[in-house]
Protein backbone atom coordinates (compact mmCIF):
# COMPACT_ATOMS: atom_id res chain seq x y z
CA MET A 1 -10.06 19.54 16.13
CA GLN A 2 -7.20 21.82 15.15
CA LEU A 3 -4.67 20.80 12.55
CA GLU A 4 -1.03 21.77 12.33
CA GLU A 5 -0.57 24.70 9.98
CA PHE A 6 2.35 26.64 8.56
CA ASN A 7 2.58 29.83 6.55
CA GLN A 8 4.83 28.91 3.65
CA PRO A 9 3.19 27.48 0.53
CA GLN A 10 3.92 23.88 -0.31
CA PRO A 11 6.35 23.11 -3.14
CA ALA A 12 4.89 21.72 -6.30
CA GLY A 13 5.78 18.26 -7.57
CA LEU A 14 9.22 17.59 -9.04
CA GLY A 15 7.85 17.03 -12.53
CA LEU A 16 8.45 13.29 -12.52
CA GLN A 17 4.71 12.68 -12.82
CA PRO A 18 1.59 14.88 -12.70
CA ASP A 19 0.33 15.93 -9.29
CA PRO A 20 -2.49 13.65 -8.16
CA SER A 21 -6.12 14.65 -7.85
CA VAL A 22 -7.37 14.17 -4.30
CA LEU A 23 -10.85 13.44 -2.93
CA LEU A 24 -11.17 14.39 0.74
CA VAL A 25 -13.88 12.61 2.73
CA GLU A 26 -14.33 14.60 5.95
CA ASP A 27 -17.47 15.77 7.75
CA ASP A 28 -15.79 18.59 9.72
CA HIS A 29 -15.95 21.75 7.62
CA ASP A 30 -12.99 23.52 9.27
CA VAL A 31 -10.74 20.48 9.10
CA ALA A 32 -11.69 19.85 5.47
CA GLN A 33 -10.99 23.42 4.40
CA THR A 34 -7.62 23.45 6.16
CA ILE A 35 -6.54 20.25 4.43
CA ARG A 36 -7.86 21.37 1.04
CA ARG A 37 -6.11 24.72 1.25
CA PHE A 38 -2.71 23.19 1.89
CA ILE A 39 -2.84 20.39 -0.65
CA GLU A 40 -4.18 22.76 -3.31
CA ARG A 41 -1.24 25.09 -2.59
CA ALA A 42 0.95 22.05 -3.28
CA GLY A 43 -0.51 21.94 -6.81
CA MET A 44 -3.09 19.19 -6.37
CA LYS A 45 -6.68 19.37 -7.59
CA THR A 46 -9.18 18.51 -4.84
CA SER A 47 -12.82 17.70 -4.24
CA TRP A 48 -14.60 17.37 -0.90
CA ALA A 49 -17.28 15.00 0.36
CA ARG A 50 -18.99 15.41 3.74
CA THR A 51 -20.54 11.91 3.75
CA GLY A 52 -19.81 8.44 2.50
CA ALA A 53 -22.67 8.62 0.03
CA GLU A 54 -21.35 11.87 -1.42
CA ALA A 55 -17.89 10.31 -1.61
CA VAL A 56 -19.25 7.43 -3.70
CA ARG A 57 -20.91 9.90 -6.09
CA LEU A 58 -17.81 12.09 -6.40
CA LYS A 59 -15.59 9.05 -6.85
CA GLU A 60 -17.41 8.38 -10.13
CA SER A 61 -17.52 11.98 -11.40
CA PHE A 62 -14.25 13.40 -10.06
CA ARG A 63 -12.16 10.22 -10.59
CA PRO A 64 -9.48 10.98 -7.98
CA ASP A 65 -6.01 9.46 -7.89
CA ILE A 66 -6.00 9.52 -4.07
CA VAL A 67 -8.86 9.43 -1.56
CA LEU A 68 -8.35 10.71 2.00
CA VAL A 69 -10.88 8.98 4.28
CA ASP A 70 -11.94 9.89 7.80
CA LEU A 71 -13.14 6.85 9.73
CA GLU A 72 -15.98 8.73 11.46
CA LEU A 73 -18.60 9.74 8.90
CA PRO A 74 -22.20 10.78 9.63
CA ASP A 75 -23.87 8.22 7.36
CA MET A 76 -21.56 5.19 7.33
CA ASN A 77 -18.49 3.67 8.92
CA GLY A 78 -15.35 4.82 7.13
CA VAL A 79 -14.17 1.20 7.14
CA SER A 80 -17.02 0.32 4.76
CA LEU A 81 -15.97 3.11 2.41
CA ILE A 82 -12.36 1.90 2.47
CA SER A 83 -13.48 -1.61 1.52
CA TRP A 84 -15.59 -0.26 -1.35
CA LEU A 85 -12.73 1.89 -2.65
CA ALA A 86 -10.18 -0.93 -2.34
CA ALA A 87 -12.42 -3.27 -4.33
CA ARG A 88 -12.41 -0.84 -7.25
CA ARG A 89 -8.58 -0.95 -7.47
CA ASP A 90 -8.19 2.39 -9.23
CA CYS A 91 -7.04 4.86 -6.58
CA GLY A 92 -4.76 5.19 -3.60
CA ILE A 93 -6.39 5.31 -0.15
CA ILE A 94 -5.07 7.20 2.88
CA VAL A 95 -6.91 7.13 6.20
CA VAL A 96 -6.86 10.52 7.96
CA SER A 97 -8.34 9.92 11.39
CA GLY A 98 -8.35 11.09 14.98
CA ARG A 99 -8.19 7.45 16.04
CA GLY A 100 -4.55 6.74 16.66
CA GLU A 101 -4.85 3.30 18.24
CA GLU A 102 -2.67 0.58 16.76
CA VAL A 103 -5.64 -1.67 16.05
CA GLU A 104 -7.25 1.05 13.92
CA ARG A 105 -4.09 1.39 11.84
CA ILE A 106 -3.86 -2.36 11.33
CA VAL A 107 -7.54 -2.66 10.36
CA GLY A 108 -7.23 0.21 7.90
CA ILE A 109 -4.19 -1.27 6.18
CA GLU A 110 -5.60 -4.80 6.10
CA LEU A 111 -8.84 -3.59 4.50
CA GLY A 112 -6.96 -1.99 1.65
CA ALA A 113 -5.77 1.46 2.77
CA ASP A 114 -2.31 2.39 1.51
CA ASP A 115 -1.37 4.64 4.42
CA TYR A 116 -2.71 5.98 7.73
CA VAL A 117 -2.23 9.51 9.10
CA THR A 118 -3.34 10.52 12.58
CA LYS A 119 -4.87 13.90 13.37
CA PRO A 120 -3.70 16.56 14.06
CA VAL A 121 -2.31 16.28 10.56
CA PRO A 122 1.26 17.50 9.85
CA MET A 123 0.57 19.13 6.50
CA ARG A 124 4.03 18.76 4.98
CA GLU A 125 3.98 15.09 5.88
CA LEU A 126 0.47 14.62 4.47
CA VAL A 127 1.50 16.12 1.11
CA ALA A 128 4.58 13.90 1.05
CA ARG A 129 2.53 10.81 1.84
CA ILE A 130 -0.04 11.64 -0.85
CA ARG A 131 2.73 11.83 -3.42
CA ALA A 132 4.38 8.66 -2.10
CA VAL A 133 1.13 6.67 -2.33
CA HIS A 134 0.50 8.10 -5.79
CA ARG A 135 3.93 6.90 -6.93
CA ARG A 136 3.33 3.44 -5.50
CA THR A 137 -0.14 3.04 -6.97
CA THR A 138 0.52 4.54 -10.41
CA ARG A 139 1.26 1.94 -13.07
CA PRO A 140 3.76 3.18 -15.67
CA ALA A 141 3.49 2.06 -19.26
CA ALA A 142 5.16 -1.20 -20.26
CA THR A 143 8.42 -1.21 -22.19
CA ALA A 144 10.09 -3.74 -24.45
CA ALA A 145 12.60 -4.47 -21.67
CA ASP A 146 9.83 -6.02 -19.58
CA ALA A 147 9.87 -9.26 -21.56
CA ALA A 148 12.20 -11.39 -19.41
CA LEU A 149 10.48 -13.56 -16.82
CA VAL A 150 12.75 -15.11 -14.19
CA ALA A 151 12.59 -16.50 -10.69
CA PRO A 152 13.56 -14.26 -7.73
CA GLY A 153 17.25 -14.36 -6.91
CA GLN A 154 18.16 -15.63 -10.39
CA GLY A 155 18.63 -12.42 -12.39
CA ALA A 156 21.52 -12.45 -14.86
CA GLY A 157 22.86 -8.98 -14.02
CA PRO A 158 23.16 -6.63 -11.04
CA ALA A 159 19.83 -4.91 -11.77
CA PRO A 160 16.75 -6.82 -10.58
CA PRO A 161 14.51 -8.21 -13.34
CA SER A 162 11.30 -6.35 -14.05
CA GLN A 163 9.10 -9.47 -14.06
CA ILE A 164 9.23 -12.23 -11.51
CA ALA A 165 7.86 -15.77 -11.61
CA LEU A 166 6.65 -16.61 -8.12
CA GLY A 167 4.86 -19.94 -7.98
CA SER A 168 1.79 -19.54 -10.17
CA ALA A 169 1.91 -15.74 -9.78
CA ARG A 170 3.70 -13.24 -12.00
CA VAL A 171 4.96 -10.00 -10.44
CA ASP A 172 5.70 -6.99 -12.64
CA MET A 173 8.06 -4.85 -10.59
CA LYS A 174 7.90 -1.84 -12.93
CA ARG A 175 4.14 -1.72 -13.33
CA ARG A 176 3.68 -2.87 -9.72
CA THR A 177 1.07 -5.38 -10.82
CA VAL A 178 0.51 -9.05 -10.05
CA THR A 179 -1.27 -11.64 -12.17
CA GLY A 180 -2.24 -15.21 -11.38
CA ARG A 181 -3.20 -18.19 -13.47
CA ASP A 182 -4.98 -17.34 -16.72
CA ASP A 183 -3.53 -13.81 -16.39
CA GLU A 184 -6.18 -12.67 -13.92
CA GLN A 185 -5.25 -9.52 -12.03
CA ILE A 186 -4.48 -9.95 -8.32
CA HIS A 187 -5.04 -6.78 -6.30
CA LEU A 188 -2.49 -6.06 -3.57
CA THR A 189 -2.63 -3.13 -1.21
CA ALA A 190 0.42 -0.84 -1.23
CA ALA A 191 1.59 -2.38 2.05
CA GLU A 192 1.28 -5.90 0.66
CA PHE A 193 3.21 -5.00 -2.47
CA VAL A 194 5.98 -3.29 -0.48
CA ALA A 195 6.34 -6.42 1.66
CA LEU A 196 6.40 -8.65 -1.43
CA GLU A 197 8.92 -6.35 -3.12
CA ALA A 198 11.22 -6.51 -0.08
CA LEU A 199 11.05 -10.33 -0.02
CA ILE A 200 11.79 -10.57 -3.75
CA GLU A 201 14.72 -8.15 -3.62
CA SER A 202 16.23 -9.98 -0.64
CA ALA A 203 15.67 -13.53 -1.96
CA PRO A 204 16.80 -16.05 -0.97
CA GLN A 205 17.85 -14.28 2.24
CA PRO A 206 15.09 -13.71 4.81
CA VAL A 207 13.65 -10.31 5.72
CA SER A 208 13.02 -9.71 9.41
CA ARG A 209 9.61 -8.84 10.81
CA GLU A 210 11.13 -5.60 12.07
CA THR A 211 12.19 -4.59 8.56
CA LEU A 212 8.89 -5.59 6.98
CA CYS A 213 6.98 -3.66 9.64
CA ARG A 214 9.06 -0.54 9.06
CA LEU A 215 8.90 -0.71 5.26
CA ALA A 216 5.35 -1.92 4.67
CA LEU A 217 3.40 -0.75 7.70
CA ARG A 218 5.52 2.35 8.36
CA ARG A 219 5.74 1.86 12.10
CA PRO A 220 8.14 0.45 14.70
CA PHE A 221 7.88 -3.28 15.38
CA HIS A 222 6.81 -4.68 18.77
CA ALA A 223 6.98 -8.32 19.81
CA GLU A 224 3.18 -8.55 20.17
CA ASP A 225 2.55 -6.87 16.80
CA ARG A 226 0.88 -9.33 14.40
CA GLY A 227 0.53 -6.88 11.53
CA VAL A 228 3.43 -8.35 9.52
CA ASP A 229 2.16 -11.89 10.00
CA GLN A 230 -1.26 -10.77 8.75
CA LEU A 231 0.37 -9.15 5.70
CA ILE A 232 2.15 -12.42 4.87
CA LEU A 233 -1.07 -14.38 5.40
CA ASN A 234 -2.85 -12.03 3.00
CA LEU A 235 -0.09 -12.45 0.40
CA ARG A 236 -0.22 -16.24 0.66
CA ARG A 237 -3.98 -16.26 0.26
CA LYS A 238 -3.98 -13.90 -2.71
CA LEU A 239 -0.98 -15.23 -4.62
CA PHE A 240 -0.88 -18.96 -4.14
CA HIS A 241 -3.08 -22.00 -3.88
CA ASP A 242 -3.36 -23.53 -0.42
CA ASP A 243 -1.15 -26.47 -1.32
CA ASN A 244 1.97 -24.35 -1.94
CA ALA A 245 1.38 -21.11 -0.04
CA HIS A 246 3.85 -21.98 2.73
CA SER A 247 6.40 -23.41 0.31
CA VAL A 248 6.85 -20.15 -1.63
CA ILE A 249 6.85 -17.59 1.19
CA VAL A 250 8.42 -19.40 4.11
CA SER A 251 8.68 -18.43 7.77
CA ILE A 252 12.18 -18.94 9.15
CA ARG A 253 12.30 -19.14 12.92
CA GLY A 254 14.12 -16.20 14.43
CA ALA A 255 14.89 -14.63 11.04
CA GLY A 256 11.58 -13.55 9.51
CA TYR A 257 10.17 -14.44 6.10
CA ALA A 258 11.82 -15.40 2.82
CA ILE A 259 11.06 -16.35 -0.77
CA ALA A 260 12.07 -20.01 -1.04
CA THR A 261 14.06 -20.08 -4.27
CA ASP A 262 15.71 -23.30 -3.10
CA LYS A 263 13.30 -25.15 -0.84
CA ASP A 264 15.77 -27.98 -0.19
CA LEU A 265 18.30 -25.60 1.40
CA LEU A 266 15.65 -23.88 3.48
CA ALA A 267 13.65 -26.95 4.50
CA ALA A 268 15.55 -27.63 7.71
CA ARG A 269 14.89 -24.12 8.99
CA VAL A 270 11.31 -23.60 7.85
CA ASP A 271 8.65 -22.91 10.44
CA ASN A 272 5.27 -23.17 8.66
CA SER A 273 3.41 -20.94 11.08
């Protein structure tokens, strides 16, 4: 399979953070070398695995910031590798696959991938997406200003607070981390965190399914698309106990989803689907 190429070298990063190291998991030699050549010209260090087993070994020795995963590997299903990587919670995951079907994209995101790129790969776009996922999954150091803990929609000034109390969960907007009761870490995929971030920033106003689909899943919304609903279901399961999951992130008929900062005002319009 041929990939889109261009002759000009890629620009290096803007200096805001170091360029990520990238592990490419791809069994096609020509495709792998094309991708490696372009992302290395963009200033990124790379390593290449032909199989899932080799990817697991290199993950431990190379310690990549981002892993690019093809779904069709000779020794295992790429979905299994995505699940293994997501469970480790220490790298960004981008699916790079010839399968462009909507269901494949949804499955990849729901299993923990942070983005999905369809072959033939637009190289400029791939480099941009690698950097974007790296920004989203990198946790900056804490600062003294992170001390305030407030509920969404109740910040004292125009700038949003860095830490949010959301039911029993605590969301650190700067570090992009979430903790639950007893300070246990709660792992969210990049798509889940983007959706949560949009709900928090909009609170108490709802965010439409169309907007959440565009922001979190990076695709146009269709009436039959259940990807956003699955994202919200995942957030409810991960963040809250069953007895208050629907009372914190509420579904408002015809409007989308919202953080219920005032449940009494929203109660008449809530659709607990």
